[in-house]
Amino acid sequence: MKAQRLQILFFIALIFLSSEVSHAQIWSLLHQVGLKALLQSQKIKSIEIQDEWMGISSVGRQSKTYLLKPDAQGAFSGVAHFDLGGGKLLHGKEDSVQVPKEAIEKFLSELAQSSLVDGKYKANLEHSDDYPSTKIKIELENTSLLFYSESQGDLAIPWGFSFQGKDYTINDKHPGTAFHALVPFLKFDAFNRFVEETSRSVQKNGR
């Protein structure tokens, strides 16, 4: 594990010191050491989550965004931004969020088990009027990882993954399961109440 950690730290340094590192070399490294070593190689500066949905709704687009940063005990906290609609009919609300260390560890453990397939991501859409979009960006000290999905279904399989300008596909459940590990702490109940209140207001007042 120590040699693996040193290998990926060296390679990350090489990425930022040289423009000659190819996508093939990046893919080879990820294939050898996996996401687990990459996530363990550097301190996490922040976790940014954007969870949106579009479909038939009186309030239009529904969006939840979170920017979470670590504290000294390993928990992550930040602010949730809830937005409904758009333009002149945009409704917004903020709430505080705190995710305990144990949930963050489970989240990262699930992400680390994701299997990468070389190739561009394509969403799985099986019906109309249901368009989800979830993005999870993990900011490390010297680089960032982006998991994303516009697929339908509870676990949103498949997912896409971007690292250093290269795209991959994840055909397993792990990113979706990772996201679900955080859901109990992301104030979904408060968001749903906000949707209901806004929907009643729109139906009554037209805005």
N, C-alpha and C. Protein backbone atom coordinates (compact mmCIF):
# COMPACT_ATOMS: atom_id res chain seq x y z
N MET A 1 0.83 -1.21 0.00
CA MET A 1 0.00 0.00 0.00
C MET A 1 0.87 1.26 0.00
N LYS A 2 2.00 1.22 0.77
CA LYS A 2 2.87 2.39 0.82
C LYS A 2 3.47 2.67 -0.55
N ALA A 3 3.93 1.60 -1.23
CA ALA A 3 4.50 1.77 -2.57
C ALA A 3 3.44 2.28 -3.54
N GLN A 4 2.21 1.79 -3.41
CA GLN A 4 1.11 2.23 -4.27
C GLN A 4 0.81 3.70 -4.05
N ARG A 5 0.84 4.12 -2.79
CA ARG A 5 0.58 5.53 -2.45
C ARG A 5 1.66 6.43 -3.04
N LEU A 6 2.92 5.99 -2.91
CA LEU A 6 4.02 6.78 -3.46
C LEU A 6 3.94 6.85 -4.98
N GLN A 7 3.50 5.76 -5.60
CA GLN A 7 3.39 5.73 -7.06
C GLN A 7 2.38 6.74 -7.56
N ILE A 8 1.23 6.80 -6.92
CA ILE A 8 0.21 7.72 -7.40
C ILE A 8 0.56 9.16 -7.07
N LEU A 9 1.21 9.40 -5.91
CA LEU A 9 1.66 10.76 -5.60
C LEU A 9 2.68 11.25 -6.63
N PHE A 10 3.59 10.34 -7.01
CA PHE A 10 4.58 10.70 -8.02
C PHE A 10 3.90 11.02 -9.35
N PHE A 11 2.92 10.22 -9.71
CA PHE A 11 2.27 10.42 -11.00
C PHE A 11 1.46 11.72 -11.02
N ILE A 12 0.78 12.02 -9.91
CA ILE A 12 0.03 13.27 -9.85
C ILE A 12 0.98 14.45 -9.98
N ALA A 13 2.15 14.38 -9.31
CA ALA A 13 3.14 15.45 -9.45
C ALA A 13 3.59 15.56 -10.90
N LEU A 14 3.76 14.42 -11.56
CA LEU A 14 4.19 14.41 -12.95
C LEU A 14 3.17 15.07 -13.86
N ILE A 15 1.89 14.86 -13.57
CA ILE A 15 0.81 15.47 -14.36
C ILE A 15 0.94 16.98 -14.36
N PHE A 16 1.23 17.55 -13.20
CA PHE A 16 1.26 19.01 -13.08
C PHE A 16 2.60 19.63 -13.48
N LEU A 17 3.62 18.77 -13.62
CA LEU A 17 4.93 19.30 -14.01
C LEU A 17 5.24 19.10 -15.48
N SER A 18 4.45 18.27 -16.15
CA SER A 18 4.73 17.97 -17.54
C SER A 18 3.46 17.96 -18.37
N SER A 19 3.54 18.51 -19.58
CA SER A 19 2.40 18.50 -20.50
C SER A 19 2.41 17.28 -21.39
N GLU A 20 3.41 16.38 -21.16
CA GLU A 20 3.58 15.24 -22.04
C GLU A 20 2.92 13.97 -21.50
N VAL A 21 2.26 14.05 -20.36
CA VAL A 21 1.58 12.88 -19.82
C VAL A 21 0.32 12.63 -20.64
N SER A 22 0.20 11.45 -21.19
CA SER A 22 -0.90 11.15 -22.10
C SER A 22 -2.10 10.59 -21.35
N HIS A 23 -3.26 10.62 -22.02
CA HIS A 23 -4.46 10.01 -21.46
C HIS A 23 -4.25 8.52 -21.24
N ALA A 24 -3.47 7.89 -22.12
CA ALA A 24 -3.20 6.46 -21.97
C ALA A 24 -2.43 6.17 -20.68
N GLN A 25 -1.49 7.04 -20.33
CA GLN A 25 -0.74 6.87 -19.09
C GLN A 25 -1.63 7.08 -17.87
N ILE A 26 -2.50 8.09 -17.95
CA ILE A 26 -3.45 8.33 -16.85
C ILE A 26 -4.35 7.13 -16.66
N TRP A 27 -4.87 6.61 -17.78
CA TRP A 27 -5.75 5.43 -17.72
C TRP A 27 -5.00 4.24 -17.13
N SER A 28 -3.75 4.06 -17.53
CA SER A 28 -2.96 2.94 -17.04
C SER A 28 -2.77 3.03 -15.53
N LEU A 29 -2.51 4.24 -15.03
CA LEU A 29 -2.33 4.42 -13.59
C LEU A 29 -3.62 4.11 -12.83
N LEU A 30 -4.74 4.67 -13.30
CA LEU A 30 -6.01 4.43 -12.62
C LEU A 30 -6.37 2.95 -12.64
N HIS A 31 -6.04 2.28 -13.74
CA HIS A 31 -6.33 0.85 -13.85
C HIS A 31 -5.49 0.05 -12.85
N GLN A 32 -4.25 0.49 -12.63
CA GLN A 32 -3.35 -0.24 -11.74
C GLN A 32 -3.68 -0.01 -10.26
N VAL A 33 -3.86 1.23 -9.88
CA VAL A 33 -3.99 1.52 -8.45
C VAL A 33 -5.42 1.81 -8.02
N GLY A 34 -6.30 2.13 -8.97
CA GLY A 34 -7.71 2.32 -8.66
C GLY A 34 -8.02 3.65 -8.00
N LEU A 35 -9.31 3.89 -7.84
CA LEU A 35 -9.77 5.15 -7.24
C LEU A 35 -9.44 5.21 -5.76
N LYS A 36 -9.37 4.06 -5.10
CA LYS A 36 -9.11 4.06 -3.66
C LYS A 36 -7.78 4.73 -3.35
N ALA A 37 -6.73 4.35 -4.09
CA ALA A 37 -5.41 4.95 -3.84
C ALA A 37 -5.41 6.43 -4.16
N LEU A 38 -6.15 6.80 -5.22
CA LEU A 38 -6.21 8.21 -5.59
C LEU A 38 -6.90 9.03 -4.50
N LEU A 39 -8.00 8.51 -3.96
CA LEU A 39 -8.71 9.22 -2.90
C LEU A 39 -7.89 9.28 -1.62
N GLN A 40 -7.05 8.29 -1.39
CA GLN A 40 -6.24 8.26 -0.16
C GLN A 40 -4.95 9.04 -0.29
N SER A 41 -4.59 9.42 -1.51
CA SER A 41 -3.27 10.01 -1.73
C SER A 41 -3.18 11.46 -1.30
N GLN A 42 -4.29 12.16 -1.22
CA GLN A 42 -4.27 13.58 -0.90
C GLN A 42 -5.43 13.93 0.04
N LYS A 43 -5.24 15.00 0.77
CA LYS A 43 -6.30 15.51 1.65
C LYS A 43 -7.43 16.08 0.81
N ILE A 44 -8.66 15.79 1.23
CA ILE A 44 -9.83 16.32 0.53
C ILE A 44 -10.11 17.73 1.02
N LYS A 45 -10.13 18.68 0.10
CA LYS A 45 -10.39 20.08 0.44
C LYS A 45 -11.88 20.37 0.50
N SER A 46 -12.65 19.76 -0.40
CA SER A 46 -14.09 20.02 -0.40
C SER A 46 -14.81 18.95 -1.21
N ILE A 47 -16.10 18.81 -0.93
CA ILE A 47 -16.99 17.95 -1.71
C ILE A 47 -18.15 18.83 -2.17
N GLU A 48 -18.33 18.91 -3.48
CA GLU A 48 -19.41 19.72 -4.05
C GLU A 48 -20.41 18.79 -4.73
N ILE A 49 -21.67 18.95 -4.38
CA ILE A 49 -22.73 18.10 -4.93
C ILE A 49 -23.79 18.97 -5.58
N GLN A 50 -24.21 18.60 -6.77
CA GLN A 50 -25.32 19.26 -7.45
C GLN A 50 -26.31 18.18 -7.87
N ASP A 51 -27.51 18.27 -7.36
CA ASP A 51 -28.55 17.27 -7.64
C ASP A 51 -29.77 17.99 -8.20
N GLU A 52 -30.08 17.74 -9.47
CA GLU A 52 -31.17 18.46 -10.14
C GLU A 52 -32.17 17.49 -10.76
N TRP A 53 -33.35 18.03 -11.02
CA TRP A 53 -34.38 17.25 -11.70
C TRP A 53 -35.25 18.18 -12.53
N MET A 54 -35.56 17.72 -13.72
CA MET A 54 -36.51 18.41 -14.60
C MET A 54 -37.57 17.43 -15.06
N GLY A 55 -38.80 17.91 -15.10
CA GLY A 55 -39.91 17.08 -15.55
C GLY A 55 -41.20 17.87 -15.43
N ILE A 56 -42.33 17.17 -15.42
CA ILE A 56 -43.62 17.84 -15.26
C ILE A 56 -43.77 18.26 -13.80
N SER A 57 -43.79 19.55 -13.55
CA SER A 57 -43.87 20.08 -12.19
C SER A 57 -44.35 21.52 -12.23
N SER A 58 -45.16 21.90 -11.27
CA SER A 58 -45.66 23.28 -11.22
C SER A 58 -44.58 24.27 -10.84
N VAL A 59 -43.46 23.77 -10.27
CA VAL A 59 -42.39 24.67 -9.84
C VAL A 59 -41.19 24.63 -10.79
N GLY A 60 -41.27 23.87 -11.86
CA GLY A 60 -40.19 23.82 -12.84
C GLY A 60 -38.98 23.05 -12.35
N ARG A 61 -37.80 23.48 -12.77
CA ARG A 61 -36.55 22.81 -12.40
C ARG A 61 -36.37 22.80 -10.88
N GLN A 62 -35.90 21.66 -10.37
CA GLN A 62 -35.64 21.52 -8.94
C GLN A 62 -34.14 21.24 -8.74
N SER A 63 -33.50 22.06 -7.93
CA SER A 63 -32.05 21.96 -7.79
C SER A 63 -31.61 22.04 -6.33
N LYS A 64 -30.70 21.15 -5.97
CA LYS A 64 -30.06 21.17 -4.65
C LYS A 64 -28.55 21.18 -4.87
N THR A 65 -27.86 22.14 -4.30
CA THR A 65 -26.40 22.18 -4.41
C THR A 65 -25.80 22.31 -3.01
N TYR A 66 -24.65 21.68 -2.83
CA TYR A 66 -23.99 21.65 -1.53
C TYR A 66 -22.49 21.85 -1.72
N LEU A 67 -21.90 22.64 -0.86
CA LEU A 67 -20.46 22.77 -0.80
C LEU A 67 -20.04 22.42 0.63
N LEU A 68 -19.38 21.28 0.76
CA LEU A 68 -19.03 20.76 2.08
C LEU A 68 -17.52 20.78 2.28
N LYS A 69 -17.08 21.23 3.46
CA LYS A 69 -15.66 21.28 3.77
C LYS A 69 -15.40 20.59 5.11
N PRO A 70 -14.20 20.01 5.24
CA PRO A 70 -13.91 19.21 6.44
C PRO A 70 -13.57 20.05 7.66
N ASP A 71 -13.83 19.48 8.83
CA ASP A 71 -13.36 20.08 10.07
C ASP A 71 -12.26 19.21 10.66
N ALA A 72 -11.77 19.57 11.81
CA ALA A 72 -10.63 18.87 12.41
C ALA A 72 -10.99 17.44 12.83
N GLN A 73 -12.26 17.15 13.04
CA GLN A 73 -12.69 15.83 13.48
C GLN A 73 -13.05 14.89 12.32
N GLY A 74 -12.98 15.39 11.09
CA GLY A 74 -13.27 14.53 9.94
C GLY A 74 -14.68 14.61 9.42
N ALA A 75 -15.54 15.39 10.11
CA ALA A 75 -16.89 15.63 9.59
C ALA A 75 -16.81 16.71 8.51
N PHE A 76 -17.86 16.79 7.70
CA PHE A 76 -17.93 17.82 6.66
C PHE A 76 -19.18 18.65 6.88
N SER A 77 -19.07 19.96 6.71
CA SER A 77 -20.22 20.83 6.89
C SER A 77 -20.21 21.93 5.84
N GLY A 78 -21.38 22.56 5.66
CA GLY A 78 -21.48 23.63 4.68
C GLY A 78 -22.91 24.10 4.54
N VAL A 79 -23.22 24.63 3.38
CA VAL A 79 -24.53 25.23 3.12
C VAL A 79 -25.19 24.52 1.95
N ALA A 80 -26.48 24.27 2.10
CA ALA A 80 -27.30 23.74 1.01
C ALA A 80 -28.05 24.90 0.36
N HIS A 81 -28.03 24.94 -0.97
CA HIS A 81 -28.79 25.93 -1.72
C HIS A 81 -29.90 25.21 -2.47
N PHE A 82 -31.14 25.57 -2.17
CA PHE A 82 -32.30 24.99 -2.84
C PHE A 82 -32.86 26.00 -3.83
N ASP A 83 -33.05 25.59 -5.07
CA ASP A 83 -33.58 26.49 -6.10
C ASP A 83 -34.68 25.78 -6.88
N LEU A 84 -35.75 26.53 -7.15
CA LEU A 84 -36.87 26.02 -7.94
C LEU A 84 -37.17 27.01 -9.06
N GLY A 85 -37.49 26.47 -10.24
CA GLY A 85 -37.85 27.34 -11.36
C GLY A 85 -36.63 28.01 -11.96
N GLY A 86 -36.86 29.19 -12.52
CA GLY A 86 -35.78 29.94 -13.16
C GLY A 86 -36.24 31.31 -13.60
N GLY A 87 -35.28 32.17 -13.95
CA GLY A 87 -35.60 33.51 -14.42
C GLY A 87 -36.32 34.33 -13.37
N LYS A 88 -37.40 35.01 -13.76
CA LYS A 88 -38.17 35.84 -12.83
C LYS A 88 -38.98 34.99 -11.85
N LEU A 89 -39.12 33.70 -12.15
CA LEU A 89 -39.88 32.81 -11.28
C LEU A 89 -38.97 31.90 -10.45
N LEU A 90 -37.74 32.35 -10.22
CA LEU A 90 -36.80 31.58 -9.43
C LEU A 90 -37.11 31.72 -7.94
N HIS A 91 -37.19 30.59 -7.26
CA HIS A 91 -37.41 30.57 -5.81
C HIS A 91 -36.19 29.92 -5.17
N GLY A 92 -35.65 30.54 -4.14
CA GLY A 92 -34.44 30.02 -3.52
C GLY A 92 -34.51 29.98 -2.01
N LYS A 93 -33.72 29.08 -1.44
CA LYS A 93 -33.67 28.94 0.01
C LYS A 93 -32.33 28.31 0.39
N GLU A 94 -31.83 28.62 1.58
CA GLU A 94 -30.58 28.05 2.06
C GLU A 94 -30.80 27.34 3.39
N ASP A 95 -29.93 26.36 3.66
CA ASP A 95 -29.99 25.64 4.93
C ASP A 95 -28.58 25.14 5.25
N SER A 96 -28.31 24.97 6.53
CA SER A 96 -27.00 24.45 6.93
C SER A 96 -27.00 22.92 6.87
N VAL A 97 -25.84 22.35 6.61
CA VAL A 97 -25.71 20.90 6.49
C VAL A 97 -24.45 20.45 7.22
N GLN A 98 -24.57 19.33 7.94
CA GLN A 98 -23.40 18.72 8.56
C GLN A 98 -23.47 17.22 8.35
N VAL A 99 -22.38 16.66 7.84
CA VAL A 99 -22.30 15.22 7.56
C VAL A 99 -21.24 14.62 8.48
N PRO A 100 -21.60 13.64 9.31
CA PRO A 100 -20.63 13.07 10.26
C PRO A 100 -19.52 12.29 9.55
N LYS A 101 -18.43 12.11 10.27
CA LYS A 101 -17.25 11.44 9.74
C LYS A 101 -17.59 10.04 9.21
N GLU A 102 -18.42 9.30 9.95
CA GLU A 102 -18.74 7.93 9.56
C GLU A 102 -19.45 7.88 8.21
N ALA A 103 -20.33 8.84 7.96
CA ALA A 103 -21.04 8.88 6.67
C ALA A 103 -20.09 9.24 5.54
N ILE A 104 -19.16 10.17 5.81
CA ILE A 104 -18.16 10.54 4.80
C ILE A 104 -17.28 9.34 4.46
N GLU A 105 -16.88 8.58 5.48
CA GLU A 105 -16.05 7.41 5.24
C GLU A 105 -16.78 6.37 4.40
N LYS A 106 -18.05 6.16 4.67
CA LYS A 106 -18.84 5.22 3.87
C LYS A 106 -18.99 5.72 2.44
N PHE A 107 -19.24 7.02 2.29
CA PHE A 107 -19.35 7.65 0.97
C PHE A 107 -18.08 7.43 0.15
N LEU A 108 -16.93 7.71 0.75
CA LEU A 108 -15.66 7.57 0.04
C LEU A 108 -15.33 6.11 -0.24
N SER A 109 -15.68 5.24 0.70
CA SER A 109 -15.44 3.81 0.51
C SER A 109 -16.22 3.27 -0.68
N GLU A 110 -17.47 3.70 -0.81
CA GLU A 110 -18.27 3.26 -1.96
C GLU A 110 -17.72 3.81 -3.27
N LEU A 111 -17.37 5.08 -3.29
CA LEU A 111 -16.79 5.66 -4.51
C LEU A 111 -15.53 4.92 -4.93
N ALA A 112 -14.72 4.55 -3.94
CA ALA A 112 -13.44 3.92 -4.23
C ALA A 112 -13.60 2.54 -4.87
N GLN A 113 -14.76 1.93 -4.71
CA GLN A 113 -15.00 0.60 -5.29
C GLN A 113 -15.50 0.66 -6.74
N SER A 114 -15.71 1.85 -7.25
CA SER A 114 -16.20 2.00 -8.63
C SER A 114 -15.19 1.46 -9.63
N SER A 115 -15.69 0.76 -10.62
CA SER A 115 -14.83 0.21 -11.68
C SER A 115 -14.93 1.10 -12.91
N LEU A 116 -13.79 1.58 -13.39
CA LEU A 116 -13.76 2.50 -14.53
C LEU A 116 -13.64 1.73 -15.84
N VAL A 117 -14.43 2.16 -16.81
CA VAL A 117 -14.35 1.63 -18.17
C VAL A 117 -13.94 2.79 -19.08
N ASP A 118 -12.91 2.59 -19.86
CA ASP A 118 -12.43 3.64 -20.75
C ASP A 118 -13.51 3.95 -21.80
N GLY A 119 -13.89 5.20 -21.92
CA GLY A 119 -14.89 5.57 -22.92
C GLY A 119 -15.87 6.59 -22.40
N LYS A 120 -16.46 7.31 -23.32
CA LYS A 120 -17.38 8.40 -22.99
C LYS A 120 -18.68 7.87 -22.41
N TYR A 121 -19.19 8.59 -21.44
CA TYR A 121 -20.43 8.23 -20.74
C TYR A 121 -21.67 8.49 -21.60
N LYS A 122 -22.64 7.59 -21.49
CA LYS A 122 -23.94 7.78 -22.13
C LYS A 122 -25.03 7.44 -21.12
N ALA A 123 -25.94 8.39 -20.88
CA ALA A 123 -26.99 8.21 -19.87
C ALA A 123 -27.98 7.13 -20.27
N ASN A 124 -28.57 6.49 -19.26
CA ASN A 124 -29.64 5.52 -19.48
C ASN A 124 -30.98 6.21 -19.24
N LEU A 125 -31.75 6.43 -20.30
CA LEU A 125 -33.06 7.07 -20.22
C LEU A 125 -34.10 6.13 -20.80
N GLU A 126 -35.07 5.73 -19.97
CA GLU A 126 -36.06 4.75 -20.38
C GLU A 126 -37.45 5.33 -20.57
N HIS A 127 -37.68 6.57 -20.11
CA HIS A 127 -38.99 7.19 -20.28
C HIS A 127 -38.83 8.71 -20.32
N SER A 128 -39.90 9.39 -20.68
CA SER A 128 -39.85 10.85 -20.83
C SER A 128 -40.31 11.56 -19.56
N ASP A 129 -40.16 12.89 -19.55
CA ASP A 129 -40.60 13.76 -18.45
C ASP A 129 -39.96 13.41 -17.11
N ASP A 130 -38.74 12.92 -17.16
CA ASP A 130 -38.01 12.56 -15.94
C ASP A 130 -36.52 12.68 -16.27
N TYR A 131 -35.93 13.84 -15.93
CA TYR A 131 -34.56 14.12 -16.35
C TYR A 131 -33.71 14.52 -15.15
N PRO A 132 -33.13 13.53 -14.48
CA PRO A 132 -32.26 13.82 -13.32
C PRO A 132 -30.86 14.20 -13.77
N SER A 133 -30.15 14.85 -12.88
CA SER A 133 -28.74 15.18 -13.11
C SER A 133 -28.04 15.31 -11.76
N THR A 134 -27.03 14.48 -11.55
CA THR A 134 -26.28 14.51 -10.29
C THR A 134 -24.80 14.62 -10.59
N LYS A 135 -24.14 15.56 -9.91
CA LYS A 135 -22.70 15.73 -10.06
C LYS A 135 -22.06 15.74 -8.68
N ILE A 136 -20.97 15.01 -8.55
CA ILE A 136 -20.20 14.97 -7.30
C ILE A 136 -18.76 15.32 -7.62
N LYS A 137 -18.30 16.46 -7.15
CA LYS A 137 -16.93 16.89 -7.41
C LYS A 137 -16.13 16.85 -6.11
N ILE A 138 -15.04 16.11 -6.13
CA ILE A 138 -14.17 16.00 -4.97
C ILE A 138 -12.89 16.77 -5.27
N GLU A 139 -12.68 17.82 -4.51
CA GLU A 139 -11.50 18.66 -4.72
C GLU A 139 -10.39 18.19 -3.79
N LEU A 140 -9.29 17.71 -4.39
CA LEU A 140 -8.12 17.30 -3.64
C LEU A 140 -7.11 18.45 -3.61
N GLU A 141 -5.97 18.22 -3.01
CA GLU A 141 -4.98 19.30 -2.87
C GLU A 141 -4.46 19.78 -4.22
N ASN A 142 -4.25 18.83 -5.15
CA ASN A 142 -3.64 19.19 -6.43
C ASN A 142 -4.46 18.81 -7.66
N THR A 143 -5.62 18.24 -7.45
CA THR A 143 -6.44 17.84 -8.60
C THR A 143 -7.87 17.67 -8.13
N SER A 144 -8.76 17.27 -9.02
CA SER A 144 -10.16 17.06 -8.65
C SER A 144 -10.71 15.85 -9.40
N LEU A 145 -11.74 15.25 -8.82
CA LEU A 145 -12.42 14.11 -9.40
C LEU A 145 -13.89 14.48 -9.60
N LEU A 146 -14.46 14.12 -10.75
CA LEU A 146 -15.85 14.44 -11.01
C LEU A 146 -16.61 13.18 -11.39
N PHE A 147 -17.62 12.86 -10.57
CA PHE A 147 -18.57 11.78 -10.87
C PHE A 147 -19.87 12.44 -11.30
N TYR A 148 -20.53 11.91 -12.31
CA TYR A 148 -21.76 12.55 -12.77
C TYR A 148 -22.69 11.53 -13.44
N SER A 149 -23.97 11.83 -13.39
CA SER A 149 -24.96 10.96 -14.03
C SER A 149 -26.20 11.74 -14.40
N GLU A 150 -26.74 11.42 -15.56
CA GLU A 150 -28.06 11.90 -15.99
C GLU A 150 -28.97 10.71 -16.25
N SER A 151 -28.62 9.57 -15.68
CA SER A 151 -29.38 8.34 -15.87
C SER A 151 -30.58 8.29 -14.93
N GLN A 152 -31.63 7.65 -15.38
CA GLN A 152 -32.80 7.44 -14.55
C GLN A 152 -32.56 6.22 -13.65
N GLY A 153 -33.43 6.08 -12.64
CA GLY A 153 -33.30 4.95 -11.73
C GLY A 153 -32.75 5.37 -10.38
N ASP A 154 -33.01 4.55 -9.38
CA ASP A 154 -32.66 4.89 -8.00
C ASP A 154 -31.16 5.10 -7.81
N LEU A 155 -30.33 4.31 -8.48
CA LEU A 155 -28.88 4.42 -8.34
C LEU A 155 -28.23 5.10 -9.54
N ALA A 156 -29.05 5.54 -10.51
CA ALA A 156 -28.59 6.36 -11.64
C ALA A 156 -27.47 5.70 -12.45
N ILE A 157 -27.56 4.38 -12.63
CA ILE A 157 -26.57 3.64 -13.41
C ILE A 157 -26.85 3.77 -14.90
N PRO A 158 -25.82 4.02 -15.73
CA PRO A 158 -24.40 4.18 -15.42
C PRO A 158 -24.06 5.61 -15.01
N TRP A 159 -22.83 5.76 -14.52
CA TRP A 159 -22.27 7.05 -14.16
C TRP A 159 -21.10 7.38 -15.08
N GLY A 160 -20.76 8.65 -15.14
CA GLY A 160 -19.55 9.07 -15.81
C GLY A 160 -18.52 9.50 -14.78
N PHE A 161 -17.26 9.50 -15.19
CA PHE A 161 -16.17 9.94 -14.31
C PHE A 161 -15.15 10.69 -15.16
N SER A 162 -14.74 11.86 -14.69
CA SER A 162 -13.74 12.66 -15.41
C SER A 162 -12.55 12.95 -14.51
N PHE A 163 -11.37 12.78 -15.08
CA PHE A 163 -10.13 13.04 -14.36
C PHE A 163 -9.08 13.50 -15.36
N GLN A 164 -8.54 14.70 -15.12
CA GLN A 164 -7.49 15.25 -15.97
C GLN A 164 -7.88 15.29 -17.45
N GLY A 165 -9.15 15.67 -17.72
CA GLY A 165 -9.61 15.83 -19.09
C GLY A 165 -9.96 14.54 -19.80
N LYS A 166 -9.95 13.42 -19.10
CA LYS A 166 -10.27 12.13 -19.70
C LYS A 166 -11.58 11.63 -19.12
N ASP A 167 -12.43 11.05 -19.97
CA ASP A 167 -13.75 10.58 -19.55
C ASP A 167 -13.79 9.05 -19.45
N TYR A 168 -14.50 8.58 -18.45
CA TYR A 168 -14.69 7.15 -18.23
C TYR A 168 -16.16 6.89 -17.92
N THR A 169 -16.54 5.62 -17.99
CA THR A 169 -17.88 5.20 -17.62
C THR A 169 -17.81 4.23 -16.44
N ILE A 170 -18.77 4.33 -15.54
CA ILE A 170 -18.89 3.42 -14.39
C ILE A 170 -20.23 2.71 -14.52
N ASN A 171 -20.19 1.40 -14.71
CA ASN A 171 -21.41 0.63 -14.94
C ASN A 171 -21.90 -0.10 -13.69
N ASP A 172 -21.39 0.27 -12.53
CA ASP A 172 -21.81 -0.40 -11.30
C ASP A 172 -22.57 0.56 -10.39
N LYS A 173 -22.98 0.04 -9.24
CA LYS A 173 -23.86 0.77 -8.32
C LYS A 173 -23.14 1.73 -7.38
N HIS A 174 -21.81 1.67 -7.32
CA HIS A 174 -21.10 2.30 -6.21
C HIS A 174 -21.25 3.82 -6.12
N PRO A 175 -21.19 4.59 -7.22
CA PRO A 175 -21.42 6.04 -7.06
C PRO A 175 -22.82 6.35 -6.52
N GLY A 176 -23.82 5.61 -7.01
CA GLY A 176 -25.19 5.82 -6.52
C GLY A 176 -25.32 5.47 -5.05
N THR A 177 -24.70 4.36 -4.65
CA THR A 177 -24.74 3.96 -3.24
C THR A 177 -23.99 4.97 -2.38
N ALA A 178 -22.90 5.51 -2.90
CA ALA A 178 -22.14 6.53 -2.17
C ALA A 178 -23.01 7.77 -1.93
N PHE A 179 -23.70 8.21 -2.97
CA PHE A 179 -24.58 9.37 -2.83
C PHE A 179 -25.68 9.10 -1.80
N HIS A 180 -26.25 7.91 -1.83
CA HIS A 180 -27.31 7.56 -0.89
C HIS A 180 -26.81 7.55 0.56
N ALA A 181 -25.52 7.31 0.76
CA ALA A 181 -24.96 7.34 2.12
C ALA A 181 -25.00 8.75 2.72
N LEU A 182 -25.02 9.77 1.86
CA LEU A 182 -25.06 11.15 2.32
C LEU A 182 -26.48 11.71 2.44
N VAL A 183 -27.41 11.11 1.71
CA VAL A 183 -28.77 11.66 1.61
C VAL A 183 -29.42 11.96 2.97
N PRO A 184 -29.29 11.08 3.99
CA PRO A 184 -29.94 11.39 5.27
C PRO A 184 -29.48 12.71 5.90
N PHE A 185 -28.35 13.25 5.46
CA PHE A 185 -27.79 14.46 6.05
C PHE A 185 -27.90 15.69 5.13
N LEU A 186 -28.54 15.52 3.97
CA LEU A 186 -28.58 16.60 2.98
C LEU A 186 -29.90 17.39 2.99
N LYS A 187 -30.67 17.24 4.04
CA LYS A 187 -31.88 18.03 4.24
C LYS A 187 -32.91 17.85 3.11
N PHE A 188 -33.06 16.60 2.65
CA PHE A 188 -34.06 16.34 1.61
C PHE A 188 -35.48 16.62 2.11
N ASP A 189 -35.74 16.36 3.39
CA ASP A 189 -37.07 16.64 3.95
C ASP A 189 -37.38 18.13 3.88
N ALA A 190 -36.40 18.97 4.23
CA ALA A 190 -36.58 20.42 4.16
C ALA A 190 -36.79 20.86 2.72
N PHE A 191 -36.07 20.23 1.80
CA PHE A 191 -36.24 20.57 0.38
C PHE A 191 -37.64 20.20 -0.10
N ASN A 192 -38.13 19.03 0.28
CA ASN A 192 -39.46 18.60 -0.14
C ASN A 192 -40.55 19.51 0.41
N ARG A 193 -40.37 19.98 1.65
CA ARG A 193 -41.32 20.94 2.21
C ARG A 193 -41.28 22.24 1.43
N PHE A 194 -40.09 22.67 1.03
CA PHE A 194 -39.93 23.88 0.23
C PHE A 194 -40.64 23.74 -1.10
N VAL A 195 -40.54 22.57 -1.73
CA VAL A 195 -41.23 22.31 -3.00
C VAL A 195 -42.75 22.38 -2.81
N GLU A 196 -43.25 21.76 -1.75
CA GLU A 196 -44.69 21.77 -1.49
C GLU A 196 -45.20 23.18 -1.22
N GLU A 197 -44.48 23.94 -0.41
CA GLU A 197 -44.89 25.32 -0.10
C GLU A 197 -44.87 26.19 -1.35
N THR A 198 -43.84 26.04 -2.16
CA THR A 198 -43.74 26.83 -3.39
C THR A 198 -44.81 26.44 -4.38
N SER A 199 -45.11 25.15 -4.47
CA SER A 199 -46.13 24.67 -5.38
C SER A 199 -47.51 25.24 -5.02
N ARG A 200 -47.80 25.26 -3.71
CA ARG A 200 -49.09 25.85 -3.27
C ARG A 200 -49.15 27.34 -3.60
N SER A 201 -48.03 28.03 -3.39
CA SER A 201 -47.98 29.46 -3.68
C SER A 201 -48.17 29.72 -5.17
N VAL A 202 -47.53 28.91 -6.00
CA VAL A 202 -47.65 29.07 -7.46
C VAL A 202 -49.09 28.83 -7.90
N GLN A 203 -49.69 27.79 -7.37
CA GLN A 203 -51.07 27.48 -7.75
C GLN A 203 -52.06 28.55 -7.29
N LYS A 204 -51.77 29.19 -6.13
CA LYS A 204 -52.66 30.19 -5.58
C LYS A 204 -52.43 31.56 -6.20
N ASN A 205 -51.18 31.94 -6.35
CA ASN A 205 -50.85 33.30 -6.79
C ASN A 205 -50.28 33.40 -8.19
N GLY A 206 -49.98 32.24 -8.78
CA GLY A 206 -49.40 32.25 -10.11
C GLY A 206 -47.91 32.50 -10.12
N ARG A 207 -47.28 32.53 -8.95
CA ARG A 207 -45.84 32.73 -8.88
C ARG A 207 -45.30 32.28 -7.52
